[in-house]
Amino acid sequence: MKPTESQILQDLISGFDSIKDPIIERKKLYLLNELLFLILCATISGYSSWETIVDFGEAKLEWLRKYLRYENGKTP
């Protein structure tokens, strides 16, 4: 049986779990897997600067939240 898009993306995200986040816990606004997922999706979609990646994240926040919480994300 062919995996669904959701299953593929969840598998991708779970691969981020083994990466240690060096940022001090009290200074984090976003979890490392949220940042990596956003950057990967934005880059695949053709965005390459930090500013455009942020724009992508704000525009696609509802879609991104299908996979991760993004509790500190702002709804556009």
Protein backbone atom coordinates (compact mmCIF):
# COMPACT_ATOMS: atom_id res chain seq x y z
CA MET A 1 0.00 0.00 0.00
CA LYS A 2 1.32 3.40 -0.98
CA PRO A 3 1.95 5.76 1.98
CA THR A 4 -0.08 8.96 2.15
CA GLU A 5 1.42 12.44 2.07
CA SER A 6 0.68 12.77 5.77
CA GLN A 7 2.48 9.51 6.59
CA ILE A 8 5.52 10.53 4.56
CA LEU A 9 5.71 13.92 6.27
CA GLN A 10 5.26 12.39 9.74
CA ASP A 11 8.10 9.95 8.98
CA LEU A 12 10.26 12.87 7.86
CA ILE A 13 9.49 14.83 11.02
CA SER A 14 10.21 11.84 13.25
CA GLY A 15 13.66 11.70 11.66
CA PHE A 16 14.38 15.09 13.23
CA ASP A 17 13.91 13.63 16.73
CA SER A 18 17.45 12.25 16.81
CA ILE A 19 18.99 15.71 16.27
CA LYS A 20 20.07 17.37 19.52
CA ASP A 21 18.91 20.97 19.92
CA PRO A 22 21.78 23.13 21.26
CA ILE A 23 19.54 26.09 22.17
CA ILE A 24 18.98 26.76 25.88
CA GLU A 25 15.48 25.61 26.82
CA ARG A 26 14.32 28.93 28.29
CA LYS A 27 15.31 30.81 25.12
CA LYS A 28 13.37 28.63 22.68
CA LEU A 29 10.37 30.02 20.85
CA TYR A 30 10.09 27.03 18.53
CA LEU A 31 11.09 23.41 18.80
CA LEU A 32 13.97 22.34 16.57
CA ASN A 33 11.74 19.96 14.59
CA GLU A 34 9.35 22.87 13.87
CA LEU A 35 12.19 24.99 12.52
CA LEU A 36 13.68 22.18 10.45
CA PHE A 37 10.30 21.23 8.97
CA LEU A 38 9.53 24.85 8.09
CA ILE A 39 12.94 25.42 6.51
CA LEU A 40 12.77 22.19 4.52
CA CYS A 41 9.25 22.86 3.22
CA ALA A 42 10.03 26.48 2.35
CA THR A 43 13.28 25.55 0.60
CA ILE A 44 11.60 22.83 -1.45
CA SER A 45 8.97 25.44 -2.39
CA GLY A 46 11.64 27.76 -3.75
CA TYR A 47 12.20 30.15 -0.84
CA SER A 48 15.84 30.80 -0.06
CA SER A 49 16.28 33.82 2.23
CA TRP A 50 15.37 33.96 5.91
CA GLU A 51 12.83 36.68 5.19
CA THR A 52 11.02 34.65 2.54
CA ILE A 53 11.12 31.53 4.73
CA VAL A 54 9.41 33.52 7.49
CA ASP A 55 6.85 34.75 4.96
CA PHE A 56 6.25 31.17 3.83
CA GLY A 57 5.79 30.05 7.45
CA GLU A 58 3.27 32.78 8.16
CA ALA A 59 1.35 32.11 4.95
CA LYS A 60 1.32 28.33 5.46
CA LEU A 61 0.90 28.25 9.24
CA GLU A 62 -2.43 26.44 9.13
CA TRP A 63 -0.96 23.74 6.86
CA LEU A 64 2.19 23.44 9.00
CA ARG A 65 0.02 22.96 12.09
CA LYS A 66 -1.42 19.80 10.54
CA TYR A 67 1.94 18.21 11.39
CA LEU A 68 3.41 20.18 14.33
CA ARG A 69 2.05 22.57 16.96
CA TYR A 70 3.83 25.87 16.17
CA GLU A 71 2.40 27.28 19.40
CA ASN A 72 4.22 30.60 18.98
CA GLY A 73 3.24 31.03 15.34
CA LYS A 74 1.27 34.08 14.36
CA THR A 75 -1.78 33.68 12.21
CA PRO A 76 -1.51 36.06 9.23
